[in-house]
Amino acid sequence: MEDLILQHLPVFWLIVMGLCILVESLTMMLTTIWFACGALVMIFVSMTPLPFKWQLLLFVLISLALLIFTRPFFYEKLKLKRQATNADSLIGKTVLVTSDISELNKGAIRINGIEWTATAVDANEKPIAVPKGTKVTVTDIQGATAIVTIK
């Protein structure tokens, strides 16, 4: 009976590896892939007379070591570039003020045909007044308000 179990251990580890790869492909979190790598090693180790409880311990140790020591490296290398949102893409654009901006009241600017509420600040982030028709540069978006500076 024990020989029959030992003969099927490579199949067991192959199934574990397949399940880990399946979970990784669904989550893409670079977590279970390391357990799949541990299971791959265990396919070959299971062909030795090492008892299953030691194989299981070795599997956990290998997988955790891979997770702890290699995941940060690969996560950084494979990290997808952050996609700018529509609002982020407006930062740095030069636009015209369409409604006077004062130190106390918001004005308006037009970007790509859309009217935005705007507040103007100087280099020290202090509110400033900007008359209609002045060219300004969008430096930030806070909620639905564009923060601008005089160009």
C-alpha atoms as a PDB file:
ATOM      1  CA  MET A   1       0.000   0.000   0.000  1.00  0.00           C
ATOM      2  CA  GLU A   2       2.777   2.399   0.948  1.00  0.00           C
ATOM      3  CA  ASP A   3       4.565   1.632  -2.337  1.00  0.00           C
ATOM      4  CA  LEU A   4       1.407   2.547  -4.233  1.00  0.00           C
ATOM      5  CA  ILE A   5       1.235   5.907  -2.444  1.00  0.00           C
ATOM      6  CA  LEU A   6       4.927   6.596  -3.108  1.00  0.00           C
ATOM      7  CA  GLN A   7       4.428   5.828  -6.796  1.00  0.00           C
ATOM      8  CA  HIS A   8       1.689   8.442  -7.035  1.00  0.00           C
ATOM      9  CA  LEU A   9       3.462  11.254  -5.184  1.00  0.00           C
ATOM     10  CA  PRO A  10       4.876  12.778  -8.380  1.00  0.00           C
ATOM     11  CA  VAL A  11       1.307  12.954  -9.709  1.00  0.00           C
ATOM     12  CA  PHE A  12       0.185  14.587  -6.441  1.00  0.00           C
ATOM     13  CA  TRP A  13       2.869  17.280  -6.747  1.00  0.00           C
ATOM     14  CA  LEU A  14       2.023  17.755 -10.430  1.00  0.00           C
ATOM     15  CA  ILE A  15      -1.609  18.412  -9.456  1.00  0.00           C
ATOM     16  CA  VAL A  16      -0.493  20.842  -6.720  1.00  0.00           C
ATOM     17  CA  MET A  17       1.671  22.650  -9.272  1.00  0.00           C
ATOM     18  CA  GLY A  18      -1.207  22.852 -11.763  1.00  0.00           C
ATOM     19  CA  LEU A  19      -3.593  24.223  -9.145  1.00  0.00           C
ATOM     20  CA  CYS A  20      -1.057  26.844  -8.053  1.00  0.00           C
ATOM     21  CA  ILE A  21      -0.524  27.935 -11.651  1.00  0.00           C
ATOM     22  CA  LEU A  22      -4.286  28.136 -12.163  1.00  0.00           C
ATOM     23  CA  VAL A  23      -4.737  30.309  -9.059  1.00  0.00           C
ATOM     24  CA  GLU A  24      -1.812  32.509 -10.120  1.00  0.00           C
ATOM     25  CA  SER A  25      -3.249  32.978 -13.597  1.00  0.00           C
ATOM     26  CA  LEU A  26      -6.534  34.122 -12.072  1.00  0.00           C
ATOM     27  CA  THR A  27      -5.022  36.504  -9.501  1.00  0.00           C
ATOM     28  CA  MET A  28      -1.722  37.654 -11.069  1.00  0.00           C
ATOM     29  CA  MET A  29      -0.395  38.568  -7.605  1.00  0.00           C
ATOM     30  CA  LEU A  30       2.955  36.727  -7.869  1.00  0.00           C
ATOM     31  CA  THR A  31       2.167  34.632  -4.808  1.00  0.00           C
ATOM     32  CA  THR A  32       1.088  31.125  -5.717  1.00  0.00           C
ATOM     33  CA  ILE A  33       3.589  30.900  -8.570  1.00  0.00           C
ATOM     34  CA  TRP A  34       6.299  30.309  -5.953  1.00  0.00           C
ATOM     35  CA  PHE A  35       4.321  27.392  -4.544  1.00  0.00           C
ATOM     36  CA  ALA A  36       4.053  26.031  -8.086  1.00  0.00           C
ATOM     37  CA  CYS A  37       7.853  26.243  -8.314  1.00  0.00           C
ATOM     38  CA  GLY A  38       8.125  24.433  -4.976  1.00  0.00           C
ATOM     39  CA  ALA A  39       5.794  21.724  -6.272  1.00  0.00           C
ATOM     40  CA  LEU A  40       7.922  21.369  -9.409  1.00  0.00           C
ATOM     41  CA  VAL A  41      10.981  20.674  -7.259  1.00  0.00           C
ATOM     42  CA  MET A  42       8.916  18.238  -5.209  1.00  0.00           C
ATOM     43  CA  ILE A  43       8.021  16.188  -8.296  1.00  0.00           C
ATOM     44  CA  PHE A  44      11.681  15.167  -8.511  1.00  0.00           C
ATOM     45  CA  VAL A  45      12.177  14.883  -4.740  1.00  0.00           C
ATOM     46  CA  SER A  46       9.119  12.590  -4.528  1.00  0.00           C
ATOM     47  CA  MET A  47      10.991  10.039  -6.627  1.00  0.00           C
ATOM     48  CA  THR A  48      13.363   9.512  -3.704  1.00  0.00           C
ATOM     49  CA  PRO A  49      12.450   7.469  -0.617  1.00  0.00           C
ATOM     50  CA  LEU A  50      11.952  10.667   1.461  1.00  0.00           C
ATOM     51  CA  PRO A  51       8.761  10.313   3.585  1.00  0.00           C
ATOM     52  CA  PHE A  52       5.799  12.457   2.619  1.00  0.00           C
ATOM     53  CA  LYS A  53       5.849  14.526   5.836  1.00  0.00           C
ATOM     54  CA  TRP A  54       9.431  15.612   5.030  1.00  0.00           C
ATOM     55  CA  GLN A  55       8.480  16.298   1.446  1.00  0.00           C
ATOM     56  CA  LEU A  56       5.646  18.503   2.669  1.00  0.00           C
ATOM     57  CA  LEU A  57       7.988  20.381   5.007  1.00  0.00           C
ATOM     58  CA  LEU A  58      10.546  20.813   2.219  1.00  0.00           C
ATOM     59  CA  PHE A  59       7.795  22.053  -0.127  1.00  0.00           C
ATOM     60  CA  VAL A  60       6.695  24.701   2.383  1.00  0.00           C
ATOM     61  CA  LEU A  61      10.276  25.813   3.073  1.00  0.00           C
ATOM     62  CA  ILE A  62      11.212  26.081  -0.599  1.00  0.00           C
ATOM     63  CA  SER A  63       7.990  27.883  -1.499  1.00  0.00           C
ATOM     64  CA  LEU A  64       8.228  30.369   1.358  1.00  0.00           C
ATOM     65  CA  ALA A  65      11.896  31.059   0.621  1.00  0.00           C
ATOM     66  CA  LEU A  66      11.041  31.775  -3.025  1.00  0.00           C
ATOM     67  CA  LEU A  67       8.098  33.934  -1.980  1.00  0.00           C
ATOM     68  CA  ILE A  68      10.088  35.991   0.520  1.00  0.00           C
ATOM     69  CA  PHE A  69      13.324  36.400  -1.406  1.00  0.00           C
ATOM     70  CA  THR A  70      12.312  36.542  -5.068  1.00  0.00           C
ATOM     71  CA  ARG A  71       8.801  38.014  -5.154  1.00  0.00           C
ATOM     72  CA  PRO A  72       9.903  41.612  -4.394  1.00  0.00           C
ATOM     73  CA  PHE A  73      12.454  41.510  -7.220  1.00  0.00           C
ATOM     74  CA  PHE A  74      10.046  40.106  -9.793  1.00  0.00           C
ATOM     75  CA  TYR A  75       7.155  42.254  -8.583  1.00  0.00           C
ATOM     76  CA  GLU A  76       9.255  45.374  -9.204  1.00  0.00           C
ATOM     77  CA  LYS A  77      10.486  44.138 -12.595  1.00  0.00           C
ATOM     78  CA  LEU A  78       7.051  43.044 -13.830  1.00  0.00           C
ATOM     79  CA  LYS A  79       5.064  45.924 -12.361  1.00  0.00           C
ATOM     80  CA  LEU A  80       2.812  47.451 -14.959  1.00  0.00           C
ATOM     81  CA  LYS A  81       3.210  51.108 -15.713  1.00  0.00           C
ATOM     82  CA  ARG A  82       0.632  53.249 -13.956  1.00  0.00           C
ATOM     83  CA  GLN A  83      -1.890  54.535 -16.457  1.00  0.00           C
ATOM     84  CA  ALA A  84      -2.607  58.215 -16.146  1.00  0.00           C
ATOM     85  CA  THR A  85      -6.256  59.055 -15.666  1.00  0.00           C
ATOM     86  CA  ASN A  86      -7.894  61.732 -17.759  1.00  0.00           C
ATOM     87  CA  ALA A  87      -7.366  64.232 -14.944  1.00  0.00           C
ATOM     88  CA  ASP A  88      -3.672  63.269 -14.590  1.00  0.00           C
ATOM     89  CA  SER A  89      -3.149  63.860 -18.285  1.00  0.00           C
ATOM     90  CA  LEU A  90      -4.196  67.510 -17.861  1.00  0.00           C
ATOM     91  CA  ILE A  91      -1.300  68.333 -15.542  1.00  0.00           C
ATOM     92  CA  GLY A  92       1.316  70.402 -17.333  1.00  0.00           C
ATOM     93  CA  LYS A  93      -1.051  71.729 -20.020  1.00  0.00           C
ATOM     94  CA  THR A  94      -1.072  75.438 -20.774  1.00  0.00           C
ATOM     95  CA  VAL A  95      -4.605  76.872 -20.990  1.00  0.00           C
ATOM     96  CA  LEU A  96      -6.464  80.185 -20.945  1.00  0.00           C
ATOM     97  CA  VAL A  97      -8.431  81.480 -17.985  1.00  0.00           C
ATOM     98  CA  THR A  98     -12.085  81.873 -19.104  1.00  0.00           C
ATOM     99  CA  SER A  99     -13.395  83.436 -15.898  1.00  0.00           C
ATOM    100  CA  ASP A 100     -11.483  85.664 -13.460  1.00  0.00           C
ATOM    101  CA  ILE A 101      -9.792  83.848 -10.575  1.00  0.00           C
ATOM    102  CA  SER A 102      -9.374  85.757  -7.311  1.00  0.00           C
ATOM    103  CA  GLU A 103      -7.594  84.939  -4.064  1.00  0.00           C
ATOM    104  CA  LEU A 104     -10.950  84.150  -2.420  1.00  0.00           C
ATOM    105  CA  ASN A 105     -13.073  82.837  -5.302  1.00  0.00           C
ATOM    106  CA  LYS A 106     -12.539  80.171  -7.870  1.00  0.00           C
ATOM    107  CA  GLY A 107     -12.583  80.988 -11.546  1.00  0.00           C
ATOM    108  CA  ALA A 108     -12.665  78.829 -14.637  1.00  0.00           C
ATOM    109  CA  ILE A 109     -10.417  77.484 -17.361  1.00  0.00           C
ATOM    110  CA  ARG A 110     -11.213  75.527 -20.519  1.00  0.00           C
ATOM    111  CA  ILE A 111      -9.276  72.341 -21.236  1.00  0.00           C
ATOM    112  CA  ASN A 112     -10.036  70.270 -24.331  1.00  0.00           C
ATOM    113  CA  GLY A 113     -13.412  71.979 -24.668  1.00  0.00           C
ATOM    114  CA  ILE A 114     -14.401  71.272 -21.056  1.00  0.00           C
ATOM    115  CA  GLU A 115     -14.894  74.016 -18.499  1.00  0.00           C
ATOM    116  CA  TRP A 116     -13.023  73.374 -15.236  1.00  0.00           C
ATOM    117  CA  THR A 117     -13.262  75.218 -11.951  1.00  0.00           C
ATOM    118  CA  ALA A 118      -9.815  76.610 -11.185  1.00  0.00           C
ATOM    119  CA  THR A 119      -7.802  78.091  -8.340  1.00  0.00           C
ATOM    120  CA  ALA A 120      -4.533  79.922  -8.987  1.00  0.00           C
ATOM    121  CA  VAL A 121      -1.492  79.739  -6.712  1.00  0.00           C
ATOM    122  CA  ASP A 122       2.003  81.195  -6.788  1.00  0.00           C
ATOM    123  CA  ALA A 123       5.266  79.309  -6.322  1.00  0.00           C
ATOM    124  CA  ASN A 124       4.687  79.278  -2.526  1.00  0.00           C
ATOM    125  CA  GLU A 125       1.206  77.735  -2.942  1.00  0.00           C
ATOM    126  CA  LYS A 126      -0.465  81.014  -1.887  1.00  0.00           C
ATOM    127  CA  PRO A 127      -3.717  81.932  -3.684  1.00  0.00           C
ATOM    128  CA  ILE A 128      -3.349  84.631  -6.329  1.00  0.00           C
ATOM    129  CA  ALA A 129      -5.680  86.547  -8.631  1.00  0.00           C
ATOM    130  CA  VAL A 130      -5.564  85.840 -12.361  1.00  0.00           C
ATOM    131  CA  PRO A 131      -7.624  87.844 -14.883  1.00  0.00           C
ATOM    132  CA  LYS A 132      -9.615  86.313 -17.732  1.00  0.00           C
ATOM    133  CA  GLY A 133      -7.499  85.659 -20.851  1.00  0.00           C
ATOM    134  CA  THR A 134      -4.250  84.901 -18.983  1.00  0.00           C
ATOM    135  CA  LYS A 135      -2.244  81.842 -19.979  1.00  0.00           C
ATOM    136  CA  VAL A 136      -1.783  79.458 -17.034  1.00  0.00           C
ATOM    137  CA  THR A 137      -0.337  76.001 -16.505  1.00  0.00           C
ATOM    138  CA  VAL A 138      -2.251  73.239 -14.743  1.00  0.00           C
ATOM    139  CA  THR A 139      -0.093  71.973 -11.851  1.00  0.00           C
ATOM    140  CA  ASP A 140      -2.545  69.733  -9.997  1.00  0.00           C
ATOM    141  CA  ILE A 141      -6.095  68.437  -9.936  1.00  0.00           C
ATOM    142  CA  GLN A 142      -7.827  68.375  -6.549  1.00  0.00           C
ATOM    143  CA  GLY A 143     -11.249  66.817  -6.852  1.00  0.00           C
ATOM    144  CA  ALA A 144     -13.005  68.755  -9.619  1.00  0.00           C
ATOM    145  CA  THR A 145     -10.796  71.838  -9.288  1.00  0.00           C
ATOM    146  CA  ALA A 146      -7.730  72.496 -11.402  1.00  0.00           C
ATOM    147  CA  ILE A 147      -4.851  74.178  -9.597  1.00  0.00           C
ATOM    148  CA  VAL A 148      -3.018  76.543 -11.940  1.00  0.00           C
ATOM    149  CA  THR A 149      -0.012  78.853 -11.924  1.00  0.00           C
ATOM    150  CA  ILE A 150       0.795  81.766 -14.190  1.00  0.00           C
ATOM    151  CA  LYS A 151       3.055  80.695 -17.017  1.00  0.00           C
END
